[in-house]
């Protein structure tokens, strides 16, 4: 796994009334600090990526549908330089994925309906100077193809 990436398996408590799932607590080992909370979505088959942050650490939780989240380590001084990780997050795998700064990330909705991702980044969004550095998802600059892999 890419250096600095962390996973937290989320516990779902369900009964006849519905369900409850804690996502991130201030007393979790992986908790750093709170910047803001926001939701992003993708329609079936849509890819959003690539980008990384110089300051911010992201914590993704997919709460509806399923997403393939892919990470690429572009940090030349990292022991996992140029490593790629795939994670399948969502209703069938309730997990928090923490993505360190300087690690490229993107996602693809792999469910038949819109997928919803909650992000709990460590920083607030700076509208004047965004901490986002982008690469087009199909440009080839990152050695990854977003196609479905069968078998």
C-alpha atoms as a PDB file:
ATOM      1  CA  UNK A   1       0.000   0.000   0.000  1.00  0.00           C
ATOM      2  CA  UNK A   2       1.160   3.532  -0.729  1.00  0.00           C
ATOM      3  CA  UNK A   3       3.122   5.086   2.146  1.00  0.00           C
ATOM      4  CA  UNK A   4       0.852   7.187   4.381  1.00  0.00           C
ATOM      5  CA  UNK A   5      -2.471   5.823   3.074  1.00  0.00           C
ATOM      6  CA  UNK A   6      -4.745   4.602   5.863  1.00  0.00           C
ATOM      7  CA  UNK A   7      -7.966   2.609   5.922  1.00  0.00           C
ATOM      8  CA  UNK A   8     -10.601   2.448   8.628  1.00  0.00           C
ATOM      9  CA  UNK A   9     -13.262  -0.238   8.286  1.00  0.00           C
ATOM     10  CA  UNK A  10     -16.540   1.393   9.261  1.00  0.00           C
ATOM     11  CA  UNK A  11     -19.024  -0.293  11.534  1.00  0.00           C
ATOM     12  CA  UNK A  12     -22.688  -0.149  10.583  1.00  0.00           C
ATOM     13  CA  UNK A  13     -25.280  -0.593  13.325  1.00  0.00           C
ATOM     14  CA  UNK A  14     -28.602  -1.631  11.788  1.00  0.00           C
ATOM     15  CA  UNK A  15     -31.987  -2.471  13.242  1.00  0.00           C
ATOM     16  CA  UNK A  16     -35.624  -2.307  12.161  1.00  0.00           C
ATOM     17  CA  UNK A  17     -35.546   1.510  12.267  1.00  0.00           C
ATOM     18  CA  UNK A  18     -32.606   1.955   9.900  1.00  0.00           C
ATOM     19  CA  UNK A  19     -28.854   2.177  10.327  1.00  0.00           C
ATOM     20  CA  UNK A  20     -26.112   4.301  11.811  1.00  0.00           C
ATOM     21  CA  UNK A  21     -22.499   4.495  10.673  1.00  0.00           C
ATOM     22  CA  UNK A  22     -19.829   6.573  12.398  1.00  0.00           C
ATOM     23  CA  UNK A  23     -17.306   7.880   9.891  1.00  0.00           C
ATOM     24  CA  UNK A  24     -14.543   9.732  11.743  1.00  0.00           C
ATOM     25  CA  UNK A  25     -14.111  10.513  15.412  1.00  0.00           C
ATOM     26  CA  UNK A  26     -11.707  12.932  17.090  1.00  0.00           C
ATOM     27  CA  UNK A  27     -10.413  10.005  19.174  1.00  0.00           C
ATOM     28  CA  UNK A  28      -9.609   7.813  16.123  1.00  0.00           C
ATOM     29  CA  UNK A  29      -5.935   6.989  15.539  1.00  0.00           C
ATOM     30  CA  UNK A  30      -6.209   8.346  11.986  1.00  0.00           C
ATOM     31  CA  UNK A  31      -7.819  11.653  12.977  1.00  0.00           C
ATOM     32  CA  UNK A  32      -5.569  14.633  12.116  1.00  0.00           C
ATOM     33  CA  UNK A  33      -7.808  17.704  12.225  1.00  0.00           C
ATOM     34  CA  UNK A  34     -11.051  18.993  10.748  1.00  0.00           C
ATOM     35  CA  UNK A  35     -11.146  21.451   7.872  1.00  0.00           C
ATOM     36  CA  UNK A  36     -14.609  20.990   6.419  1.00  0.00           C
ATOM     37  CA  UNK A  37     -17.063  18.347   5.217  1.00  0.00           C
ATOM     38  CA  UNK A  38     -18.424  18.133   1.704  1.00  0.00           C
ATOM     39  CA  UNK A  39     -20.164  15.753  -0.662  1.00  0.00           C
ATOM     40  CA  UNK A  40     -19.204  14.953  -4.237  1.00  0.00           C
ATOM     41  CA  UNK A  41     -21.005  12.622  -6.614  1.00  0.00           C
ATOM     42  CA  UNK A  42     -20.403  10.789  -9.866  1.00  0.00           C
ATOM     43  CA  UNK A  43     -22.853   9.284 -12.303  1.00  0.00           C
ATOM     44  CA  UNK A  44     -22.394   5.675 -13.499  1.00  0.00           C
ATOM     45  CA  UNK A  45     -19.178   5.259 -15.475  1.00  0.00           C
ATOM     46  CA  UNK A  46     -17.947   8.808 -14.847  1.00  0.00           C
ATOM     47  CA  UNK A  47     -14.278   9.328 -13.898  1.00  0.00           C
ATOM     48  CA  UNK A  48     -13.227  12.309 -11.781  1.00  0.00           C
ATOM     49  CA  UNK A  49      -9.485  12.758 -11.424  1.00  0.00           C
ATOM     50  CA  UNK A  50      -6.573  13.122 -11.238  1.00  0.00           C
ATOM     51  CA  UNK A  51      -5.562  15.662  -8.627  1.00  0.00           C
ATOM     52  CA  UNK A  52      -3.442  16.009  -5.502  1.00  0.00           C
ATOM     53  CA  UNK A  53      -3.007  18.490  -2.665  1.00  0.00           C
ATOM     54  CA  UNK A  54       0.191  19.979  -1.256  1.00  0.00           C
ATOM     55  CA  UNK A  55      -1.299  20.746   2.180  1.00  0.00           C
ATOM     56  CA  UNK A  56      -4.578  18.873   2.583  1.00  0.00           C
ATOM     57  CA  UNK A  57      -5.148  15.263   3.606  1.00  0.00           C
ATOM     58  CA  UNK A  58      -8.452  13.803   2.370  1.00  0.00           C
ATOM     59  CA  UNK A  59     -10.676  11.256   4.099  1.00  0.00           C
ATOM     60  CA  UNK A  60     -13.161   9.673   1.660  1.00  0.00           C
ATOM     61  CA  UNK A  61     -16.275   7.737   2.652  1.00  0.00           C
ATOM     62  CA  UNK A  62     -18.622   6.548  -0.099  1.00  0.00           C
ATOM     63  CA  UNK A  63     -22.103   6.457   1.438  1.00  0.00           C
ATOM     64  CA  UNK A  64     -24.216   5.574  -1.616  1.00  0.00           C
ATOM     65  CA  UNK A  65     -23.360   3.386  -4.565  1.00  0.00           C
ATOM     66  CA  UNK A  66     -19.855   2.130  -5.255  1.00  0.00           C
ATOM     67  CA  UNK A  67     -16.699   3.917  -6.398  1.00  0.00           C
ATOM     68  CA  UNK A  68     -13.328   2.682  -7.535  1.00  0.00           C
ATOM     69  CA  UNK A  69     -10.864   5.106  -5.926  1.00  0.00           C
ATOM     70  CA  UNK A  70      -7.369   4.993  -7.429  1.00  0.00           C
ATOM     71  CA  UNK A  71      -4.210   6.475  -5.917  1.00  0.00           C
ATOM     72  CA  UNK A  72      -0.854   7.153  -7.584  1.00  0.00           C
ATOM     73  CA  UNK A  73       2.237   8.000  -5.539  1.00  0.00           C
ATOM     74  CA  UNK A  74       4.118  10.794  -7.329  1.00  0.00           C
ATOM     75  CA  UNK A  75       6.409  11.565  -4.369  1.00  0.00           C
ATOM     76  CA  UNK A  76       9.975  10.923  -5.601  1.00  0.00           C
ATOM     77  CA  UNK A  77      11.285  10.493  -2.029  1.00  0.00           C
ATOM     78  CA  UNK A  78       8.590   7.955  -1.098  1.00  0.00           C
ATOM     79  CA  UNK A  79       9.405   4.245  -0.692  1.00  0.00           C
ATOM     80  CA  UNK A  80       6.236   3.599  -2.725  1.00  0.00           C
ATOM     81  CA  UNK A  81       7.077   6.070  -5.545  1.00  0.00           C
ATOM     82  CA  UNK A  82       5.014   5.343  -8.696  1.00  0.00           C
ATOM     83  CA  UNK A  83       2.891   2.719  -6.899  1.00  0.00           C
ATOM     84  CA  UNK A  84      -0.804   2.526  -7.804  1.00  0.00           C
ATOM     85  CA  UNK A  85      -3.534   1.397  -5.403  1.00  0.00           C
ATOM     86  CA  UNK A  86      -7.185   0.644  -6.183  1.00  0.00           C
ATOM     87  CA  UNK A  87      -9.885   0.700  -3.516  1.00  0.00           C
ATOM     88  CA  UNK A  88     -13.530  -0.248  -3.946  1.00  0.00           C
ATOM     89  CA  UNK A  89     -15.570   1.831  -1.518  1.00  0.00           C
ATOM     90  CA  UNK A  90     -19.257   2.169  -0.880  1.00  0.00           C
ATOM     91  CA  UNK A  91     -22.379   0.439   0.317  1.00  0.00           C
ATOM     92  CA  UNK A  92     -20.813  -3.016  -0.054  1.00  0.00           C
ATOM     93  CA  UNK A  93     -17.547  -1.978   1.600  1.00  0.00           C
ATOM     94  CA  UNK A  94     -18.071   0.801   4.183  1.00  0.00           C
ATOM     95  CA  UNK A  95     -14.547   2.129   4.661  1.00  0.00           C
ATOM     96  CA  UNK A  96     -12.828   5.452   5.271  1.00  0.00           C
ATOM     97  CA  UNK A  97      -9.851   5.978   2.958  1.00  0.00           C
ATOM     98  CA  UNK A  98      -7.320   8.571   4.109  1.00  0.00           C
ATOM     99  CA  UNK A  99      -5.207  10.025   1.286  1.00  0.00           C
ATOM    100  CA  UNK A 100      -2.016  11.918   2.187  1.00  0.00           C
ATOM    101  CA  UNK A 101      -0.899  15.083   0.431  1.00  0.00           C
ATOM    102  CA  UNK A 102       1.071  14.785  -2.835  1.00  0.00           C
ATOM    103  CA  UNK A 103      -0.672  11.488  -3.684  1.00  0.00           C
ATOM    104  CA  UNK A 104      -2.717  11.744  -6.881  1.00  0.00           C
ATOM    105  CA  UNK A 105      -6.252  10.430  -6.581  1.00  0.00           C
ATOM    106  CA  UNK A 106      -9.318  10.003  -8.697  1.00  0.00           C
ATOM    107  CA  UNK A 107     -12.466   7.928  -8.719  1.00  0.00           C
ATOM    108  CA  UNK A 108     -14.934   6.231 -11.012  1.00  0.00           C
ATOM    109  CA  UNK A 109     -18.557   5.416 -10.226  1.00  0.00           C
ATOM    110  CA  UNK A 110     -18.899   1.663 -10.723  1.00  0.00           C
ATOM    111  CA  UNK A 111     -22.477   1.299  -9.487  1.00  0.00           C
ATOM    112  CA  UNK A 112     -25.629   1.391 -11.602  1.00  0.00           C
ATOM    113  CA  UNK A 113     -26.759   4.588  -9.881  1.00  0.00           C
ATOM    114  CA  UNK A 114     -25.078   7.829  -8.827  1.00  0.00           C
ATOM    115  CA  UNK A 115     -22.431   7.311  -6.146  1.00  0.00           C
ATOM    116  CA  UNK A 116     -22.054   9.783  -3.288  1.00  0.00           C
ATOM    117  CA  UNK A 117     -18.724  10.411  -1.551  1.00  0.00           C
ATOM    118  CA  UNK A 118     -18.294  12.395   1.664  1.00  0.00           C
ATOM    119  CA  UNK A 119     -14.877  14.003   2.102  1.00  0.00           C
ATOM    120  CA  UNK A 120     -13.587  15.215   5.472  1.00  0.00           C
ATOM    121  CA  UNK A 121     -10.403  17.076   4.480  1.00  0.00           C
ATOM    122  CA  UNK A 122      -7.999  18.555   7.003  1.00  0.00           C
ATOM    123  CA  UNK A 123      -8.196  22.039   5.437  1.00  0.00           C
ATOM    124  CA  UNK A 124     -10.924  24.421   4.331  1.00  0.00           C
ATOM    125  CA  UNK A 125     -11.147  25.119   0.615  1.00  0.00           C
ATOM    126  CA  UNK A 126      -9.263  28.263  -0.363  1.00  0.00           C
ATOM    127  CA  UNK A 127     -11.259  29.848  -3.187  1.00  0.00           C
ATOM    128  CA  UNK A 128      -8.503  32.349  -4.079  1.00  0.00           C
ATOM    129  CA  UNK A 129      -5.607  29.849  -4.071  1.00  0.00           C
ATOM    130  CA  UNK A 130      -6.976  26.290  -4.297  1.00  0.00           C
ATOM    131  CA  UNK A 131      -4.700  23.526  -3.020  1.00  0.00           C
ATOM    132  CA  UNK A 132      -5.480  21.390  -6.078  1.00  0.00           C
ATOM    133  CA  UNK A 133      -3.126  20.302  -8.820  1.00  0.00           C
ATOM    134  CA  UNK A 134      -4.769  18.457 -11.710  1.00  0.00           C
ATOM    135  CA  UNK A 135      -3.953  15.997 -14.480  1.00  0.00           C
ATOM    136  CA  UNK A 136      -6.602  14.878 -16.997  1.00  0.00           C
ATOM    137  CA  UNK A 137      -7.845  11.344 -16.206  1.00  0.00           C
ATOM    138  CA  UNK A 138      -7.134   9.875 -19.654  1.00  0.00           C
ATOM    139  CA  UNK A 139      -4.016  11.900 -20.574  1.00  0.00           C
ATOM    140  CA  UNK A 140      -1.546   9.047 -19.996  1.00  0.00           C
ATOM    141  CA  UNK A 141       0.588  11.180 -17.648  1.00  0.00           C
ATOM    142  CA  UNK A 142      -0.326   8.706 -14.901  1.00  0.00           C
ATOM    143  CA  UNK A 143       0.156   5.078 -16.006  1.00  0.00           C
ATOM    144  CA  UNK A 144      -3.383   3.900 -15.306  1.00  0.00           C
ATOM    145  CA  UNK A 145      -6.335   2.971 -17.483  1.00  0.00           C
ATOM    146  CA  UNK A 146      -9.806   3.487 -16.011  1.00  0.00           C
ATOM    147  CA  UNK A 147     -11.316   0.582 -17.986  1.00  0.00           C
ATOM    148  CA  UNK A 148     -13.119  -2.199 -16.130  1.00  0.00           C
ATOM    149  CA  UNK A 149     -10.878  -5.181 -15.459  1.00  0.00           C
ATOM    150  CA  UNK A 150     -12.653  -8.510 -15.849  1.00  0.00           C
ATOM    151  CA  UNK A 151     -11.163 -11.709 -14.453  1.00  0.00           C
END
